N, C-alpha and C. Protein backbone atom coordinates (compact mmCIF):
# COMPACT_ATOMS: atom_id res chain seq x y z
N MET A 1 -3.51 13.78 -7.13
CA MET A 1 -3.20 13.94 -8.59
C MET A 1 -2.21 12.54 -9.02
N THR A 2 -2.59 12.06 -9.69
CA THR A 2 -1.60 10.88 -10.33
C THR A 2 -0.68 11.34 -11.27
N THR A 3 0.72 10.81 -10.88
CA THR A 3 1.88 11.08 -11.77
C THR A 3 1.95 10.10 -12.61
N GLN A 4 1.74 10.64 -14.09
CA GLN A 4 1.63 9.91 -15.40
C GLN A 4 3.31 9.91 -15.81
N VAL A 5 3.62 8.79 -16.33
CA VAL A 5 4.93 8.70 -16.66
C VAL A 5 4.81 7.82 -18.35
N ASN A 6 5.42 8.51 -19.25
CA ASN A 6 5.23 7.63 -20.84
C ASN A 6 6.27 6.81 -21.00
N SER A 7 7.45 6.61 -20.11
CA SER A 7 8.32 5.59 -20.37
C SER A 7 9.21 5.30 -19.16
N ILE A 8 10.34 4.64 -19.30
CA ILE A 8 10.99 3.72 -18.53
C ILE A 8 12.04 5.13 -18.21
N GLU A 9 12.14 5.81 -19.20
CA GLU A 9 13.59 7.22 -19.08
C GLU A 9 12.81 8.34 -18.36
N GLU A 10 11.29 8.51 -18.52
CA GLU A 10 10.87 9.49 -17.55
C GLU A 10 10.61 9.25 -16.26
N LEU A 11 10.42 7.95 -16.27
CA LEU A 11 10.20 7.27 -14.76
C LEU A 11 11.58 7.53 -13.95
N SER A 12 12.52 7.09 -14.80
CA SER A 12 14.29 7.50 -14.01
C SER A 12 14.28 8.57 -13.49
N ALA A 13 13.83 9.62 -14.59
CA ALA A 13 14.17 11.44 -14.12
C ALA A 13 13.40 11.57 -12.62
N LEU A 14 12.53 10.72 -12.29
CA LEU A 14 11.89 11.09 -11.00
C LEU A 14 12.30 10.49 -9.62
N VAL A 15 13.51 9.90 -10.13
CA VAL A 15 14.26 9.22 -8.20
C VAL A 15 14.24 10.51 -7.71
N GLY A 16 13.79 10.08 -6.48
CA GLY A 16 14.36 10.89 -5.46
C GLY A 16 12.85 12.05 -5.30
N THR A 17 11.89 11.72 -5.78
CA THR A 17 10.76 12.64 -5.98
C THR A 17 9.56 12.28 -4.99
N HIS A 18 8.89 13.14 -4.35
CA HIS A 18 7.63 12.36 -3.86
C HIS A 18 6.67 12.40 -5.07
N LEU A 19 5.88 11.25 -5.25
CA LEU A 19 4.96 11.32 -6.37
C LEU A 19 3.48 11.71 -6.00
N GLY A 20 3.39 11.84 -4.83
CA GLY A 20 1.71 12.38 -4.29
C GLY A 20 1.30 11.36 -3.59
N TYR A 21 0.15 11.67 -3.20
CA TYR A 21 -0.97 10.52 -2.28
C TYR A 21 -1.93 10.21 -3.39
N SER A 22 -2.40 8.93 -2.86
CA SER A 22 -3.64 8.52 -3.68
C SER A 22 -4.91 8.97 -2.94
N ASP A 23 -6.05 8.87 -3.57
CA ASP A 23 -7.48 9.03 -2.91
C ASP A 23 -7.50 8.29 -1.70
N TYR A 24 -8.44 8.78 -0.78
CA TYR A 24 -8.57 7.71 0.51
C TYR A 24 -9.70 6.63 0.11
N ARG A 25 -9.38 5.40 0.91
CA ARG A 25 -10.49 4.47 0.48
C ARG A 25 -10.94 3.99 2.09
N THR A 26 -12.26 3.77 2.23
CA THR A 26 -12.50 3.16 3.43
C THR A 26 -12.49 1.71 3.72
N ILE A 27 -11.82 1.50 4.96
CA ILE A 27 -11.88 -0.06 5.25
C ILE A 27 -12.94 -0.49 5.77
N THR A 28 -13.28 -1.42 5.13
CA THR A 28 -14.78 -1.80 5.76
C THR A 28 -14.80 -3.49 6.56
N GLN A 29 -15.79 -3.91 7.36
CA GLN A 29 -15.47 -5.07 8.07
C GLN A 29 -15.38 -6.03 6.95
N GLU A 30 -16.54 -6.24 6.09
CA GLU A 30 -16.40 -7.02 4.93
C GLU A 30 -15.04 -7.35 4.31
N GLN A 31 -14.15 -6.15 4.04
CA GLN A 31 -12.96 -6.45 3.64
C GLN A 31 -12.05 -7.33 4.50
N LEU A 32 -12.28 -7.32 5.92
CA LEU A 32 -11.64 -8.10 7.14
C LEU A 32 -11.90 -9.16 6.92
N ASN A 33 -13.25 -9.40 6.81
CA ASN A 33 -13.93 -11.09 6.99
C ASN A 33 -13.39 -11.43 5.75
N LEU A 34 -13.55 -10.94 4.31
CA LEU A 34 -12.97 -11.50 3.33
C LEU A 34 -11.63 -12.00 3.39
N PHE A 35 -10.80 -11.12 4.06
CA PHE A 35 -9.36 -11.45 4.21
C PHE A 35 -8.93 -12.47 4.99
N ALA A 36 -9.75 -12.44 6.20
CA ALA A 36 -9.65 -13.56 7.16
C ALA A 36 -10.15 -14.82 5.92
N GLU A 37 -10.80 -14.78 5.57
CA GLU A 37 -11.58 -16.24 4.90
C GLU A 37 -9.93 -16.41 3.87
N ALA A 38 -9.78 -15.38 3.05
CA ALA A 38 -8.72 -15.81 2.31
C ALA A 38 -7.55 -16.36 2.73
N THR A 39 -6.75 -16.05 3.97
CA THR A 39 -5.86 -16.23 4.92
C THR A 39 -5.56 -17.11 5.88
N GLY A 40 -7.14 -17.36 6.34
CA GLY A 40 -7.26 -18.33 7.64
C GLY A 40 -7.03 -17.35 9.09
N ASP A 41 -6.68 -15.96 8.59
CA ASP A 41 -6.51 -15.58 9.96
C ASP A 41 -7.54 -14.68 10.46
N HIS A 42 -8.29 -15.42 11.35
CA HIS A 42 -9.52 -15.24 12.04
C HIS A 42 -9.25 -14.80 13.38
N GLN A 43 -8.55 -14.00 13.78
CA GLN A 43 -8.24 -13.32 14.99
C GLN A 43 -9.06 -12.48 15.33
N TRP A 44 -9.63 -12.36 16.53
CA TRP A 44 -10.85 -11.64 16.89
C TRP A 44 -10.68 -10.34 16.79
N ILE A 45 -9.39 -9.70 16.89
CA ILE A 45 -9.29 -8.42 16.59
C ILE A 45 -9.73 -7.74 15.56
N HIS A 46 -9.62 -8.63 14.41
CA HIS A 46 -10.16 -8.36 13.01
C HIS A 46 -11.62 -8.86 12.84
N VAL A 47 -12.53 -9.77 13.43
CA VAL A 47 -13.56 -10.52 12.65
C VAL A 47 -14.57 -10.47 13.67
N ASP A 48 -14.45 -9.89 14.87
CA ASP A 48 -15.56 -10.41 16.06
C ASP A 48 -15.37 -8.79 16.47
N PRO A 49 -16.53 -8.10 15.71
CA PRO A 49 -16.65 -6.49 16.45
C PRO A 49 -17.09 -6.56 17.79
N GLU A 50 -17.65 -7.74 18.31
CA GLU A 50 -18.53 -7.64 19.66
C GLU A 50 -17.35 -7.69 20.67
N ARG A 51 -16.79 -8.72 20.52
CA ARG A 51 -15.32 -8.80 21.39
C ARG A 51 -14.38 -7.89 21.25
N ALA A 52 -14.17 -7.29 19.88
CA ALA A 52 -13.14 -6.47 19.71
C ALA A 52 -13.62 -4.94 20.54
N LYS A 53 -14.71 -4.53 20.80
CA LYS A 53 -15.21 -3.46 21.48
C LYS A 53 -14.57 -3.35 23.01
N THR A 54 -14.18 -4.77 23.73
CA THR A 54 -13.51 -4.96 24.68
C THR A 54 -12.03 -5.03 24.79
N GLY A 55 -11.56 -5.25 23.42
CA GLY A 55 -10.03 -5.29 23.11
C GLY A 55 -9.11 -4.06 23.20
N PRO A 56 -8.16 -4.00 23.04
CA PRO A 56 -7.22 -3.05 23.21
C PRO A 56 -7.12 -1.92 22.33
N PHE A 57 -8.14 -2.07 21.00
CA PHE A 57 -8.49 -0.85 20.31
C PHE A 57 -10.02 -0.46 20.03
N GLY A 58 -10.59 -1.01 20.95
CA GLY A 58 -11.95 -0.57 20.86
C GLY A 58 -13.19 -0.97 19.82
N GLN A 59 -12.21 -1.76 18.99
CA GLN A 59 -12.91 -2.12 17.65
C GLN A 59 -12.27 -3.07 17.09
N THR A 60 -12.82 -3.48 15.99
CA THR A 60 -11.76 -4.19 14.94
C THR A 60 -10.95 -3.48 14.13
N ILE A 61 -9.67 -3.66 13.87
CA ILE A 61 -8.63 -3.60 12.95
C ILE A 61 -8.39 -4.13 11.83
N ALA A 62 -7.62 -3.71 10.81
CA ALA A 62 -7.66 -4.07 9.75
C ALA A 62 -6.29 -5.09 9.99
N HIS A 63 -6.19 -6.29 9.15
CA HIS A 63 -4.86 -7.38 9.20
C HIS A 63 -3.71 -6.43 8.70
N GLY A 64 -2.47 -6.60 9.14
CA GLY A 64 -1.33 -5.81 8.82
C GLY A 64 -1.36 -6.16 7.45
N TYR A 65 -1.30 -7.26 7.34
CA TYR A 65 -1.09 -7.90 5.57
C TYR A 65 -2.01 -7.19 4.36
N LEU A 66 -3.36 -7.10 5.07
CA LEU A 66 -4.55 -6.63 4.62
C LEU A 66 -4.19 -5.02 4.06
N THR A 67 -3.67 -4.21 5.00
CA THR A 67 -3.12 -2.98 4.80
C THR A 67 -1.94 -2.81 3.54
N LEU A 68 -0.75 -4.15 3.79
CA LEU A 68 0.20 -4.32 2.73
C LEU A 68 -0.31 -4.36 1.74
N ALA A 69 -1.40 -5.49 1.40
CA ALA A 69 -1.95 -6.00 0.26
C ALA A 69 -2.71 -4.74 -0.73
N LEU A 70 -3.07 -3.99 0.19
CA LEU A 70 -3.68 -2.65 -0.39
C LEU A 70 -2.82 -1.65 -1.27
N ILE A 71 -1.36 -1.46 -1.01
CA ILE A 71 -0.57 -0.68 -1.43
C ILE A 71 -0.72 -0.55 -2.96
N PRO A 72 -0.36 -1.89 -3.87
CA PRO A 72 -0.80 -1.71 -5.22
C PRO A 72 -1.86 -0.89 -5.85
N VAL A 73 -3.25 -1.40 -5.18
CA VAL A 73 -4.13 -0.62 -5.56
C VAL A 73 -4.11 0.62 -5.20
N LEU A 74 -3.51 1.18 -4.12
CA LEU A 74 -3.51 2.37 -3.71
C LEU A 74 -2.61 3.35 -4.47
N LEU A 75 -1.67 2.58 -4.78
CA LEU A 75 -0.24 3.25 -5.77
C LEU A 75 -0.93 3.57 -7.10
N GLY A 76 -2.14 3.08 -7.67
CA GLY A 76 -2.59 3.07 -9.08
C GLY A 76 -3.07 4.56 -8.99
N GLY A 77 -3.09 5.09 -8.02
CA GLY A 77 -4.07 6.45 -7.47
C GLY A 77 -2.69 7.05 -7.51
N VAL A 78 -1.37 6.98 -7.78
CA VAL A 78 -0.30 7.75 -7.25
C VAL A 78 0.67 7.80 -8.61
N LEU A 79 0.87 6.60 -9.26
CA LEU A 79 1.81 6.74 -10.43
C LEU A 79 1.12 5.60 -11.54
N LYS A 80 1.11 6.04 -12.35
CA LYS A 80 0.72 5.20 -13.79
C LYS A 80 2.15 5.35 -14.91
N VAL A 81 2.20 4.40 -15.24
CA VAL A 81 3.56 4.07 -16.19
C VAL A 81 3.18 3.27 -17.35
N ASP A 82 3.02 4.49 -18.39
CA ASP A 82 2.64 4.05 -19.88
C ASP A 82 4.24 3.64 -20.55
N GLY A 83 3.84 2.94 -21.78
CA GLY A 83 5.51 2.79 -22.46
C GLY A 83 5.99 1.38 -21.94
N VAL A 84 5.10 0.47 -21.41
CA VAL A 84 5.64 -0.70 -20.80
C VAL A 84 4.84 -1.70 -21.42
N SER A 85 5.26 -2.92 -21.41
CA SER A 85 4.58 -4.11 -21.73
C SER A 85 3.61 -4.58 -20.68
N MET A 86 4.48 -4.44 -19.24
CA MET A 86 3.64 -4.97 -18.14
C MET A 86 4.34 -4.72 -16.82
N GLY A 87 3.65 -4.67 -16.03
CA GLY A 87 4.32 -4.37 -14.58
C GLY A 87 4.02 -5.07 -13.52
N VAL A 88 4.73 -5.72 -12.68
CA VAL A 88 4.65 -6.75 -11.97
C VAL A 88 5.20 -6.29 -10.44
N ASN A 89 4.11 -6.91 -9.35
CA ASN A 89 4.96 -6.89 -7.68
C ASN A 89 6.08 -7.68 -7.84
N TYR A 90 7.19 -7.37 -7.48
CA TYR A 90 8.34 -7.83 -7.06
C TYR A 90 8.73 -8.08 -5.63
N GLY A 91 8.41 -7.57 -4.81
CA GLY A 91 8.65 -7.89 -3.42
C GLY A 91 8.45 -6.52 -2.27
N THR A 92 9.00 -6.75 -1.50
CA THR A 92 9.22 -5.80 -0.34
C THR A 92 10.34 -5.65 0.32
N ASN A 93 11.10 -4.50 0.49
CA ASN A 93 12.25 -4.48 1.26
C ASN A 93 12.30 -4.47 2.65
N LYS A 94 11.21 -3.55 3.04
CA LYS A 94 11.34 -3.45 4.37
C LYS A 94 9.86 -3.30 4.87
N VAL A 95 9.13 -3.60 5.95
CA VAL A 95 7.61 -3.40 5.96
C VAL A 95 7.83 -3.23 7.64
N ARG A 96 6.89 -2.17 7.91
CA ARG A 96 6.42 -1.92 9.50
C ARG A 96 5.02 -1.49 9.59
N PHE A 97 4.32 -2.09 10.73
CA PHE A 97 3.06 -1.72 10.78
C PHE A 97 2.97 -0.60 11.86
N THR A 98 2.86 0.32 11.92
CA THR A 98 3.20 1.00 13.04
C THR A 98 1.98 1.80 14.08
N SER A 99 0.79 1.37 13.06
CA SER A 99 -0.10 2.06 14.00
C SER A 99 -1.22 1.04 13.35
N PRO A 100 -2.61 0.78 14.31
CA PRO A 100 -3.40 0.30 13.91
C PRO A 100 -4.58 0.74 12.75
N VAL A 101 -5.22 0.10 11.67
CA VAL A 101 -6.23 0.90 10.90
C VAL A 101 -7.56 0.28 11.56
N PRO A 102 -8.27 0.87 11.93
CA PRO A 102 -9.64 0.70 12.47
C PRO A 102 -10.44 0.17 11.47
N VAL A 103 -11.77 -0.59 11.74
CA VAL A 103 -12.51 -0.59 10.51
C VAL A 103 -13.14 0.93 10.46
N GLY A 104 -13.64 0.88 9.52
CA GLY A 104 -14.43 2.17 8.79
C GLY A 104 -13.66 3.75 8.82
N ALA A 105 -12.38 3.27 8.89
CA ALA A 105 -11.11 4.29 8.98
C ALA A 105 -10.83 4.30 7.18
N GLN A 106 -10.52 5.81 6.74
CA GLN A 106 -10.12 6.07 5.66
C GLN A 106 -8.59 5.90 5.43
N VAL A 107 -8.17 5.20 4.43
CA VAL A 107 -6.42 4.97 4.30
C VAL A 107 -5.93 5.76 2.89
N ARG A 108 -5.20 6.26 2.77
CA ARG A 108 -4.44 6.64 1.58
C ARG A 108 -2.89 6.20 1.47
N ALA A 109 -2.17 6.17 0.55
CA ALA A 109 -0.65 5.91 0.50
C ALA A 109 0.04 7.15 -0.36
N GLY A 110 1.02 7.31 0.18
CA GLY A 110 1.83 8.58 -0.43
C GLY A 110 3.24 7.82 -0.83
N ALA A 111 4.03 8.39 -2.11
CA ALA A 111 5.17 7.52 -2.13
C ALA A 111 6.07 8.27 -2.74
N MET A 112 7.48 7.71 -2.54
CA MET A 112 8.55 8.52 -2.90
C MET A 112 9.50 7.49 -3.76
N LEU A 113 9.74 8.09 -5.18
CA LEU A 113 10.51 6.93 -6.08
C LEU A 113 11.79 6.82 -5.69
N ALA A 114 12.25 5.98 -5.10
CA ALA A 114 13.48 5.79 -4.20
C ALA A 114 14.67 5.31 -5.17
N SER A 115 14.26 4.39 -6.37
CA SER A 115 14.99 4.27 -7.07
C SER A 115 14.66 3.41 -8.46
N VAL A 116 15.79 3.24 -9.64
CA VAL A 116 15.00 2.72 -10.87
C VAL A 116 16.40 1.82 -11.16
N ASP A 117 16.26 0.78 -11.48
CA ASP A 117 17.27 0.07 -11.78
C ASP A 117 17.27 -0.90 -12.93
N GLU A 118 18.07 -1.06 -13.72
CA GLU A 118 17.98 -1.89 -14.71
C GLU A 118 18.33 -3.46 -14.85
N VAL A 119 17.21 -4.00 -15.31
CA VAL A 119 17.11 -5.61 -15.34
C VAL A 119 16.75 -6.37 -16.58
N THR A 120 17.15 -7.38 -16.60
CA THR A 120 16.65 -7.79 -18.03
C THR A 120 15.44 -7.49 -18.58
N GLY A 121 15.47 -6.84 -19.45
CA GLY A 121 14.14 -6.78 -20.06
C GLY A 121 13.22 -5.35 -19.72
N GLY A 122 13.98 -4.81 -18.55
CA GLY A 122 13.39 -3.54 -18.22
C GLY A 122 13.76 -2.95 -17.09
N VAL A 123 13.12 -2.61 -16.09
CA VAL A 123 13.81 -2.06 -14.62
C VAL A 123 13.19 -2.15 -13.46
N GLN A 124 14.01 -2.42 -12.49
CA GLN A 124 13.39 -2.45 -10.88
C GLN A 124 12.76 -1.19 -10.45
N VAL A 125 11.94 -0.66 -9.89
CA VAL A 125 11.57 0.40 -9.37
C VAL A 125 11.02 0.33 -7.94
N THR A 126 12.00 1.14 -7.15
CA THR A 126 11.69 0.87 -5.25
C THR A 126 11.21 1.99 -5.09
N LEU A 127 9.91 1.90 -4.31
CA LEU A 127 9.50 3.11 -4.05
C LEU A 127 9.05 2.93 -2.21
N ASP A 128 9.45 4.34 -1.58
CA ASP A 128 9.10 4.37 -0.12
C ASP A 128 7.65 4.75 -0.08
N VAL A 129 6.91 4.10 0.61
CA VAL A 129 5.38 3.91 0.47
C VAL A 129 4.89 4.09 2.26
N THR A 130 4.23 5.13 2.18
CA THR A 130 3.64 5.29 3.90
C THR A 130 1.97 5.17 3.55
N VAL A 131 1.45 4.48 4.09
CA VAL A 131 0.11 4.12 4.56
C VAL A 131 -0.66 5.28 5.61
N GLU A 132 -1.32 6.04 5.32
CA GLU A 132 -2.02 6.85 6.19
C GLU A 132 -3.52 6.70 6.68
N VAL A 133 -3.73 6.71 7.84
CA VAL A 133 -5.27 6.57 8.16
C VAL A 133 -5.69 8.10 8.50
N ARG A 134 -6.80 8.70 7.56
CA ARG A 134 -7.00 10.22 7.94
C ARG A 134 -7.10 10.75 9.62
N ASP A 135 -6.23 11.47 9.61
CA ASP A 135 -6.52 12.35 11.01
C ASP A 135 -5.63 11.52 12.11
N ALA A 136 -4.91 10.69 11.57
CA ALA A 136 -4.02 9.76 12.73
C ALA A 136 -2.83 10.47 13.01
N PRO A 137 -2.35 10.41 14.07
CA PRO A 137 -0.97 11.31 14.36
C PRO A 137 0.14 10.60 13.74
N LYS A 138 0.26 9.14 13.27
CA LYS A 138 1.38 8.52 12.65
C LYS A 138 0.73 7.51 11.56
N PRO A 139 1.90 7.37 10.58
CA PRO A 139 1.24 6.41 9.66
C PRO A 139 0.98 4.76 10.20
N SER A 140 0.20 4.34 9.62
CA SER A 140 -0.19 2.68 9.76
C SER A 140 0.87 1.50 9.13
N CYS A 141 1.30 2.09 8.09
CA CYS A 141 2.35 1.13 7.66
C CYS A 141 3.52 1.85 7.05
N VAL A 142 4.83 1.47 6.69
CA VAL A 142 5.67 2.52 6.05
C VAL A 142 6.23 0.99 5.62
N ALA A 143 6.48 1.09 4.02
CA ALA A 143 6.85 -0.21 3.43
C ALA A 143 7.82 0.49 2.07
N GLN A 144 9.05 -0.15 2.04
CA GLN A 144 9.65 -0.17 0.83
C GLN A 144 9.21 -1.15 -0.24
N VAL A 145 8.51 -0.92 -1.22
CA VAL A 145 7.84 -1.67 -2.01
C VAL A 145 8.78 -1.91 -3.63
N VAL A 146 8.79 -3.06 -4.29
CA VAL A 146 9.70 -3.09 -5.41
C VAL A 146 8.69 -3.78 -6.43
N PHE A 147 8.72 -3.24 -7.68
CA PHE A 147 7.83 -3.85 -8.77
C PHE A 147 8.92 -3.75 -10.06
N ARG A 148 8.49 -4.57 -10.96
CA ARG A 148 9.54 -4.60 -12.08
C ARG A 148 8.47 -4.01 -13.37
N TYR A 149 9.04 -3.06 -14.27
CA TYR A 149 8.51 -2.66 -15.34
C TYR A 149 9.00 -3.46 -16.55
N TYR A 150 8.33 -4.06 -17.63
CA TYR A 150 9.06 -4.51 -18.67
C TYR A 150 8.78 -4.01 -19.89
N LYS A 151 9.75 -3.76 -20.82
CA LYS A 151 9.58 -3.02 -22.10
C LYS A 151 8.78 -3.81 -23.00
């Protein structure tokens, strides 16, 4: 279920709250191939299914930065902020890729609102995000992401 807020003030009231989880999304080989094309990262563990069968993961795995790049779209199913003119990615404070995301896996994100701080024209929002693979024993990515919302 998506947490919906209608203003920056409502958002500020949720600091320290776990906001919920996104729906699961399936990671496809096509996504890995397109990400490899976009970034130039054609390492075989991502783009060569036959060779990857004999590698350390037994199949291709998502690029760590692809997993990170999915966070904004996954968070769209966790948090919706109305009453602002726009929101932008501002960066990350910390990112760890703690376990692989195999091709065909289903991933989701959970988020806790860590802070809301005033900046010129709006607020800076910091979220502690965990990207999970369905039925995996530990998360695939743990990141503290920062967004800015402007009035």
